[in-house]
């Protein structure tokens, strides 16, 4: 569950959709997607760089 105010719910839905990997992206392995933006910074803040 995600709660909040003053945000358009469709923005969050779009952010979650953007964060999902396709089967092709997943098959390419971790190195190809570990540092890609997840679109959730507006709600969770900037994430630290993956090791």
C-alpha atoms as a PDB file:
ATOM      1  CA  UNK A   1       0.000   0.000   0.000  1.00  0.00           C
ATOM      2  CA  UNK A   2       1.194   3.509  -0.808  1.00  0.00           C
ATOM      3  CA  UNK A   3      -0.339   6.546   0.835  1.00  0.00           C
ATOM      4  CA  UNK A   4       0.181  10.233   0.295  1.00  0.00           C
ATOM      5  CA  UNK A   5      -1.419  13.538  -0.479  1.00  0.00           C
ATOM      6  CA  UNK A   6      -1.173  16.154  -3.174  1.00  0.00           C
ATOM      7  CA  UNK A   7       0.040  13.741  -5.835  1.00  0.00           C
ATOM      8  CA  UNK A   8      -1.724  12.443  -8.888  1.00  0.00           C
ATOM      9  CA  UNK A   9      -2.150   8.667  -8.404  1.00  0.00           C
ATOM     10  CA  UNK A  10      -1.483   8.104 -12.107  1.00  0.00           C
ATOM     11  CA  UNK A  11       2.065   9.479 -11.597  1.00  0.00           C
ATOM     12  CA  UNK A  12       2.800   6.732  -9.079  1.00  0.00           C
ATOM     13  CA  UNK A  13       1.282   4.056 -11.298  1.00  0.00           C
ATOM     14  CA  UNK A  14       3.472   5.253 -14.177  1.00  0.00           C
ATOM     15  CA  UNK A  15       6.550   5.218 -11.906  1.00  0.00           C
ATOM     16  CA  UNK A  16       5.879   1.623 -10.846  1.00  0.00           C
ATOM     17  CA  UNK A  17       5.289   0.583 -14.463  1.00  0.00           C
ATOM     18  CA  UNK A  18       8.600   2.190 -15.443  1.00  0.00           C
ATOM     19  CA  UNK A  19      10.443   0.342 -12.660  1.00  0.00           C
ATOM     20  CA  UNK A  20       9.311  -3.070 -13.877  1.00  0.00           C
ATOM     21  CA  UNK A  21      11.742  -5.007 -16.038  1.00  0.00           C
ATOM     22  CA  UNK A  22      10.689  -6.725 -19.209  1.00  0.00           C
ATOM     23  CA  UNK A  23      11.643 -10.377 -19.661  1.00  0.00           C
ATOM     24  CA  UNK A  24      14.281  -9.262 -22.177  1.00  0.00           C
ATOM     25  CA  UNK A  25      15.832  -6.767 -19.724  1.00  0.00           C
ATOM     26  CA  UNK A  26      15.884  -9.380 -16.982  1.00  0.00           C
ATOM     27  CA  UNK A  27      17.522 -11.934 -19.278  1.00  0.00           C
ATOM     28  CA  UNK A  28      20.349  -9.476 -20.070  1.00  0.00           C
ATOM     29  CA  UNK A  29      21.493  -9.636 -16.447  1.00  0.00           C
ATOM     30  CA  UNK A  30      22.096  -7.266 -13.558  1.00  0.00           C
ATOM     31  CA  UNK A  31      24.795  -5.119 -15.141  1.00  0.00           C
ATOM     32  CA  UNK A  32      22.449  -3.747 -17.800  1.00  0.00           C
ATOM     33  CA  UNK A  33      19.834  -2.389 -15.394  1.00  0.00           C
ATOM     34  CA  UNK A  34      21.252  -2.010 -11.883  1.00  0.00           C
ATOM     35  CA  UNK A  35      21.869   1.743 -12.238  1.00  0.00           C
ATOM     36  CA  UNK A  36      18.905   2.687 -14.402  1.00  0.00           C
ATOM     37  CA  UNK A  37      16.455   5.187 -12.893  1.00  0.00           C
ATOM     38  CA  UNK A  38      13.472   3.580 -11.203  1.00  0.00           C
ATOM     39  CA  UNK A  39      11.182   6.620 -11.342  1.00  0.00           C
ATOM     40  CA  UNK A  40      10.422   6.515  -7.619  1.00  0.00           C
ATOM     41  CA  UNK A  41      12.747   9.311  -6.458  1.00  0.00           C
ATOM     42  CA  UNK A  42       9.819  11.699  -6.002  1.00  0.00           C
ATOM     43  CA  UNK A  43       8.398   9.403  -3.322  1.00  0.00           C
ATOM     44  CA  UNK A  44      11.432   7.620  -1.884  1.00  0.00           C
ATOM     45  CA  UNK A  45      14.246  10.111  -2.447  1.00  0.00           C
ATOM     46  CA  UNK A  46      17.379   9.520  -4.452  1.00  0.00           C
ATOM     47  CA  UNK A  47      18.677   5.998  -3.960  1.00  0.00           C
ATOM     48  CA  UNK A  48      22.347   5.330  -3.283  1.00  0.00           C
ATOM     49  CA  UNK A  49      24.384   3.872  -6.117  1.00  0.00           C
ATOM     50  CA  UNK A  50      24.251   0.072  -6.288  1.00  0.00           C
ATOM     51  CA  UNK A  51      27.449  -1.755  -5.400  1.00  0.00           C
END
